[in-house]
Amino acid sequence: MRLIVVLVAASVLAVPVALAKGPFPATILLPNGWQPEGIATGNGKTFYAGSRATGAVYSGDLRTGKGAVLVPGVAGRAATGLEFNRGRLFVSGAGTGKAFIYNAKTGALIREYQLATAPTFINDVAVTNDAAYFTDSNRAVVFKLPLGSGGTLPAAAQELALTGDFQLVAGFNLNGIVASPDGKTLIAVQSNTGKLFTINPNTGATHLIDLGGATLVNGDGLLLHGKTLYVVRNQNNQIAVARLAPNLASGTVTRTITSPNFDVPTTVASFGSRLYAVNARFSTPPTPTTTYSVVQVKR
């Protein structure tokens, strides 16, 4: 998820309704000028999409395509990666260096953390029963918010220095991140090299996932179902599907999902047998009237 342009427009702060119609529409329109990047599903048919321009969060219904602004935008904020957990939204703050936690029902800000200062890009987030983990695309670190009993938020974040196979190089580095079902292993993609890594959530030790020579350059948002990993490749307009070994040390890219409706998708969420990718449209200059959408494809 890469921040290309930041545009604060009055129209973004309005409360529009998605225009898509019909049951589980193939395309759901977001507010004009929204500049989305992250998407997450919540309870029932609810989805959330953040605005990298203002940090606003939109809440919609996958069945009807209708929705409204849940979290109003604020000048100086940004929203890239999102994850729903225990009735809350954990949101990455991009170049602000911050993480935001919102009430997923009311949109109220629960907590704000200053994870880092410039140069930084807090890109994506994965949440387990024990902690929330945020990637920084400019530094070889992962930020950890340890969660207490019942998901209690900590006073401050911890910084995990990444060691092992991961090497910081020029350009945009760690991007999407997910956790294994047991929360004992993290998986992240390095956008500029196309490499996948496992990360020890306690030590920061990394190991390259051997894809048999395949690389996933422009890898962005990740989604893990069992041992199947979906990797959004934004500028490639595709979602790569990799089958991982039981120990997560290796994997094979088995197929690629494409759609004529993709326009630089960045992240993906799931509902049943459907995947929902959000179009960031990085190659389209943003204006207050630029259209943005969420695209449905089959898993």
Protein backbone atom coordinates (compact mmCIF):
# COMPACT_ATOMS: atom_id res chain seq x y z
CA MET A 1 0.00 0.00 0.00
CA ARG A 2 1.82 3.04 -1.19
CA LEU A 3 0.91 6.64 -0.55
CA ILE A 4 1.14 8.39 -3.90
CA VAL A 5 -0.84 11.60 -3.50
CA VAL A 6 -2.62 13.17 -0.56
CA LEU A 7 -5.63 15.30 -1.40
CA VAL A 8 -8.00 16.68 1.21
CA ALA A 9 -11.31 17.48 -0.41
CA ALA A 10 -14.49 18.74 1.17
CA SER A 11 -16.50 16.19 -0.76
CA VAL A 12 -14.66 13.38 1.00
CA LEU A 13 -16.07 14.56 4.31
CA ALA A 14 -19.66 14.25 3.12
CA VAL A 15 -21.72 11.15 3.88
CA PRO A 16 -22.48 9.64 0.46
CA VAL A 17 -23.98 6.28 -0.39
CA ALA A 18 -22.45 3.64 -2.65
CA LEU A 19 -24.28 3.51 -5.94
CA ALA A 20 -24.00 -0.20 -6.69
CA LYS A 21 -27.30 -2.12 -6.69
CA GLY A 22 -28.44 -5.72 -6.43
CA PRO A 23 -27.48 -8.62 -4.17
CA PHE A 24 -23.73 -8.87 -3.59
CA PRO A 25 -22.89 -6.49 -6.46
CA ALA A 26 -19.76 -7.20 -8.45
CA THR A 27 -18.59 -3.63 -7.97
CA ILE A 28 -19.31 -1.34 -5.02
CA LEU A 29 -18.70 2.36 -5.44
CA LEU A 30 -16.99 4.31 -2.68
CA PRO A 31 -17.43 8.07 -2.21
CA ASN A 32 -15.96 10.19 -4.99
CA GLY A 33 -12.49 11.44 -4.16
CA TRP A 34 -12.07 8.82 -1.41
CA GLN A 35 -8.57 7.57 -2.33
CA PRO A 36 -8.91 4.15 -0.65
CA GLU A 37 -6.13 1.73 0.14
CA GLY A 38 -7.15 -0.65 2.90
CA ILE A 39 -10.20 -2.90 3.21
CA ALA A 40 -11.45 -5.22 5.94
CA THR A 41 -14.60 -7.20 6.65
CA GLY A 42 -16.32 -7.12 10.02
CA ASN A 43 -19.42 -8.66 11.52
CA GLY A 44 -22.01 -10.03 9.12
CA LYS A 45 -21.83 -8.43 5.67
CA THR A 46 -20.08 -5.27 6.82
CA PHE A 47 -16.91 -4.02 5.17
CA TYR A 48 -14.65 -1.06 5.90
CA ALA A 49 -12.46 0.98 3.55
CA GLY A 50 -10.01 3.64 4.68
CA SER A 51 -9.03 6.89 2.98
CA ARG A 52 -5.33 7.55 2.56
CA ALA A 53 -6.19 11.23 1.96
CA THR A 54 -7.82 12.04 5.30
CA GLY A 55 -7.79 8.94 7.50
CA ALA A 56 -11.56 8.59 7.16
CA VAL A 57 -13.18 5.13 7.26
CA TYR A 58 -16.20 4.14 5.20
CA SER A 59 -18.55 1.36 6.34
CA GLY A 60 -20.66 -0.49 3.82
CA ASP A 61 -22.80 -3.59 3.22
CA LEU A 62 -21.48 -6.22 0.81
CA ARG A 63 -24.98 -7.44 -0.03
CA THR A 64 -26.56 -4.09 -0.89
CA GLY A 65 -23.52 -1.99 -1.78
CA LYS A 66 -24.82 0.81 0.41
CA GLY A 67 -22.87 2.54 3.12
CA ALA A 68 -21.77 5.75 4.79
CA VAL A 69 -18.76 7.41 6.39
CA LEU A 70 -18.12 5.86 9.80
CA VAL A 71 -15.00 7.80 10.81
CA PRO A 72 -14.89 11.39 9.48
CA GLY A 73 -11.65 12.51 7.89
CA VAL A 74 -9.23 14.77 9.73
CA ALA A 75 -6.56 16.93 8.12
CA GLY A 76 -3.15 15.36 8.68
CA ARG A 77 -4.43 11.80 9.15
CA ALA A 78 -4.20 8.84 6.79
CA ALA A 79 -5.55 5.30 6.67
CA THR A 80 -3.84 2.48 4.81
CA GLY A 81 -4.07 -1.02 6.31
CA LEU A 82 -7.17 -1.94 8.34
CA GLU A 83 -8.13 -4.94 10.42
CA PHE A 84 -11.30 -5.69 12.37
CA ASN A 85 -10.87 -7.36 15.74
CA ARG A 86 -13.12 -7.56 18.82
CA GLY A 87 -15.44 -4.81 17.60
CA ARG A 88 -12.57 -2.46 16.86
CA LEU A 89 -10.74 -1.25 13.77
CA PHE A 90 -6.95 -1.19 13.87
CA VAL A 91 -5.74 1.29 11.28
CA SER A 92 -2.26 2.04 9.92
CA GLY A 93 -1.46 5.73 9.61
CA ALA A 94 1.00 5.74 6.68
CA GLY A 95 3.39 8.73 6.75
CA THR A 96 1.92 10.06 9.99
CA GLY A 97 3.82 7.32 11.81
CA LYS A 98 0.69 6.58 13.81
CA ALA A 99 -1.70 3.75 14.52
CA PHE A 100 -5.36 4.42 15.22
CA ILE A 101 -7.91 2.21 16.96
CA TYR A 102 -11.60 2.99 16.41
CA ASN A 103 -14.88 1.60 17.67
CA ALA A 104 -16.16 -0.32 14.63
CA LYS A 105 -19.78 0.44 15.46
CA THR A 106 -19.68 4.12 16.40
CA GLY A 107 -16.47 5.25 14.69
CA ALA A 108 -15.22 6.80 17.94
CA LEU A 109 -11.44 7.03 18.34
CA ILE A 110 -10.40 4.68 21.15
CA ARG A 111 -6.64 5.16 21.09
CA GLU A 112 -3.91 6.75 19.00
CA TYR A 113 -0.26 5.66 19.06
CA GLN A 114 2.78 7.46 17.67
CA LEU A 115 4.76 4.47 16.46
CA ALA A 116 7.54 6.32 14.65
CA THR A 117 8.60 9.67 13.22
CA ALA A 118 9.75 10.53 9.71
CA PRO A 119 10.99 8.91 7.61
CA THR A 120 8.31 6.30 8.18
CA PHE A 121 5.36 4.68 6.45
CA ILE A 122 3.13 2.62 8.74
CA ASN A 123 1.61 0.47 6.06
CA ASP A 124 -0.40 -2.55 7.14
CA VAL A 125 -1.61 -4.31 10.28
CA ALA A 126 -2.30 -7.86 11.45
CA VAL A 127 -4.09 -8.60 14.72
CA THR A 128 -3.94 -11.82 16.76
CA ASN A 129 -5.33 -12.72 20.17
CA ASP A 130 -2.11 -11.47 21.72
CA ALA A 131 -1.06 -8.40 19.76
CA ALA A 132 -1.43 -6.07 16.79
CA TYR A 133 1.53 -5.82 14.40
CA PHE A 134 2.24 -2.90 12.06
CA THR A 135 4.72 -2.84 9.17
CA ASP A 136 6.93 0.13 8.34
CA SER A 137 7.80 0.25 4.65
CA ASN A 138 10.79 2.53 5.26
CA ARG A 139 12.48 0.69 8.12
CA ALA A 140 13.48 -2.87 9.10
CA VAL A 141 11.07 -3.04 12.02
CA VAL A 142 7.61 -4.22 12.98
CA PHE A 143 5.69 -2.37 15.66
CA LYS A 144 3.84 -4.48 18.21
CA LEU A 145 0.91 -3.53 20.42
CA PRO A 146 0.65 -6.30 23.04
CA LEU A 147 -2.97 -6.98 23.95
CA GLY A 148 -3.98 -7.83 27.49
CA SER A 149 -6.91 -9.86 28.79
CA GLY A 150 -9.94 -9.39 26.55
CA GLY A 151 -7.90 -7.37 24.10
CA THR A 152 -6.95 -4.57 26.49
CA LEU A 153 -4.77 -2.00 24.72
CA PRO A 154 -1.26 -1.25 26.01
CA ALA A 155 0.14 2.10 27.13
CA ALA A 156 2.74 2.07 24.36
CA ALA A 157 3.97 0.07 21.39
CA GLN A 158 7.07 -2.09 21.19
CA GLU A 159 9.54 -1.97 18.30
CA LEU A 160 10.74 -5.31 16.93
CA ALA A 161 13.96 -5.01 14.92
CA LEU A 162 13.92 -7.44 12.00
CA THR A 163 16.86 -9.84 11.77
CA GLY A 164 17.71 -12.82 9.59
CA ASP A 165 16.90 -13.07 5.90
CA PHE A 166 15.08 -9.77 5.48
CA GLN A 167 17.30 -6.97 4.19
CA LEU A 168 16.19 -3.36 3.80
CA VAL A 169 16.89 -2.05 0.28
CA ALA A 170 16.17 1.16 -1.59
CA GLY A 171 12.50 1.74 -2.33
CA PHE A 172 9.31 0.47 -0.73
CA ASN A 173 10.00 -2.47 1.57
CA LEU A 174 7.67 -4.38 3.93
CA ASN A 175 4.06 -3.94 3.00
CA GLY A 176 1.21 -6.38 3.67
CA ILE A 177 1.23 -8.56 6.77
CA VAL A 178 -0.90 -11.44 8.05
CA ALA A 179 -0.72 -13.87 10.96
CA SER A 180 -1.01 -17.64 11.02
CA PRO A 181 -4.23 -18.91 12.67
CA ASP A 182 -2.40 -19.69 15.92
CA GLY A 183 -0.73 -16.27 15.95
CA LYS A 184 2.73 -17.81 16.30
CA THR A 185 4.02 -16.71 12.88
CA LEU A 186 3.65 -13.54 10.83
CA ILE A 187 3.97 -13.41 7.04
CA ALA A 188 4.90 -10.21 5.21
CA VAL A 189 5.72 -9.23 1.64
CA GLN A 190 8.55 -6.94 0.54
CA SER A 191 7.09 -4.93 -2.34
CA ASN A 192 10.29 -3.88 -4.08
CA THR A 193 11.86 -7.38 -4.18
CA GLY A 194 8.70 -9.48 -4.38
CA LYS A 195 9.90 -11.70 -1.52
CA LEU A 196 7.79 -13.26 1.22
CA PHE A 197 9.08 -13.67 4.76
CA THR A 198 7.97 -15.29 7.96
CA ILE A 199 8.51 -13.17 11.07
CA ASN A 200 8.76 -14.40 14.65
CA PRO A 201 6.28 -12.14 16.51
CA ASN A 202 8.39 -12.23 19.67
CA THR A 203 11.93 -11.81 18.38
CA GLY A 204 11.63 -10.21 14.92
CA ALA A 205 13.67 -13.03 13.34
CA THR A 206 12.79 -13.45 9.65
CA HIS A 207 13.07 -16.34 7.20
CA LEU A 208 12.62 -16.18 3.44
CA ILE A 209 9.72 -18.24 2.11
CA ASP A 210 11.08 -20.20 -0.85
CA LEU A 211 8.71 -19.79 -3.81
CA GLY A 212 10.85 -21.85 -6.17
CA GLY A 213 12.26 -18.82 -7.93
CA ALA A 214 8.96 -16.92 -8.26
CA THR A 215 8.79 -13.34 -7.00
CA LEU A 216 5.79 -11.16 -6.28
CA VAL A 217 7.05 -7.67 -7.09
CA ASN A 218 4.52 -4.96 -6.20
CA GLY A 219 3.14 -7.27 -3.52
CA ASP A 220 0.73 -5.31 -1.35
CA GLY A 221 -2.13 -6.57 0.82
CA LEU A 222 -2.13 -10.19 1.98
CA LEU A 223 -4.91 -12.58 2.92
CA LEU A 224 -4.33 -16.03 4.44
CA HIS A 225 -6.90 -18.87 4.31
CA GLY A 226 -5.45 -22.00 5.82
CA LYS A 227 -2.24 -22.48 3.87
CA THR A 228 -3.45 -20.51 0.85
CA LEU A 229 -1.98 -17.02 0.66
CA TYR A 230 -3.50 -14.32 -1.56
CA VAL A 231 -1.04 -11.59 -2.54
CA VAL A 232 -2.37 -8.43 -4.18
CA ARG A 233 0.10 -7.11 -6.77
CA ASN A 234 -1.06 -3.54 -7.15
CA GLN A 235 0.55 -2.22 -10.35
CA ASN A 236 0.20 -5.66 -11.94
CA ASN A 237 -3.59 -5.57 -11.49
CA GLN A 238 -3.71 -9.10 -10.18
CA ILE A 239 -3.92 -11.27 -7.10
CA ALA A 240 -1.35 -14.08 -6.92
CA VAL A 241 -2.40 -17.27 -5.14
CA ALA A 242 0.31 -19.25 -3.36
CA ARG A 243 0.02 -22.61 -1.63
CA LEU A 244 2.30 -22.66 1.41
CA ALA A 245 3.96 -25.68 2.99
CA PRO A 246 2.72 -26.73 6.45
CA ASN A 247 5.83 -25.22 8.07
CA LEU A 248 5.49 -22.01 5.98
CA ALA A 249 9.11 -22.33 4.83
CA SER A 250 8.21 -22.71 1.16
CA GLY A 251 5.34 -22.34 -1.24
CA THR A 252 4.20 -22.48 -4.84
CA VAL A 253 2.37 -19.82 -6.81
CA THR A 254 -0.49 -21.84 -8.26
CA ARG A 255 -2.57 -19.29 -10.15
CA THR A 256 -3.39 -15.64 -10.69
CA ILE A 257 -6.73 -13.89 -10.25
CA THR A 258 -7.48 -11.01 -12.60
CA SER A 259 -10.49 -8.84 -13.38
CA PRO A 260 -11.24 -6.22 -16.02
CA ASN A 261 -12.51 -4.11 -13.12
CA PHE A 262 -9.13 -4.00 -11.35
CA ASP A 263 -7.51 -0.55 -11.35
CA VAL A 264 -4.40 -0.83 -9.18
CA PRO A 265 -5.95 -2.90 -6.36
CA THR A 266 -4.04 -2.68 -3.08
CA THR A 267 -5.66 -4.89 -0.45
CA VAL A 268 -8.18 -7.70 -0.27
CA ALA A 269 -10.73 -9.05 2.20
CA SER A 270 -12.99 -12.10 2.04
CA PHE A 271 -16.61 -13.02 2.63
CA GLY A 272 -17.54 -16.64 2.04
CA SER A 273 -16.29 -17.68 -1.39
CA ARG A 274 -15.84 -14.08 -2.48
CA LEU A 275 -12.79 -11.82 -2.41
CA TYR A 276 -13.15 -8.05 -2.30
CA ALA A 277 -10.26 -5.95 -3.62
CA VAL A 278 -10.17 -2.18 -3.28
CA ASN A 279 -9.00 -0.10 -6.26
CA ALA A 280 -6.51 2.57 -5.19
CA ARG A 281 -6.11 3.88 -8.76
CA PHE A 282 -2.56 5.14 -8.10
CA SER A 283 -2.05 5.89 -11.80
CA THR A 284 -5.10 8.18 -11.92
CA PRO A 285 -4.61 11.75 -10.63
CA PRO A 286 -7.04 12.18 -7.72
CA THR A 287 -9.67 14.90 -7.78
CA PRO A 288 -12.77 15.47 -5.64
CA THR A 289 -14.84 13.74 -8.36
CA THR A 290 -12.53 10.78 -9.10
CA THR A 291 -14.42 7.52 -8.67
CA TYR A 292 -13.19 4.58 -6.58
CA SER A 293 -14.56 1.10 -6.11
CA VAL A 294 -14.40 -2.27 -4.41
CA VAL A 295 -14.32 -5.22 -6.83
CA GLN A 296 -15.67 -8.70 -6.12
CA VAL A 297 -13.93 -11.79 -7.52
CA LYS A 298 -14.21 -15.48 -6.71
CA ARG A 299 -11.68 -17.18 -4.46
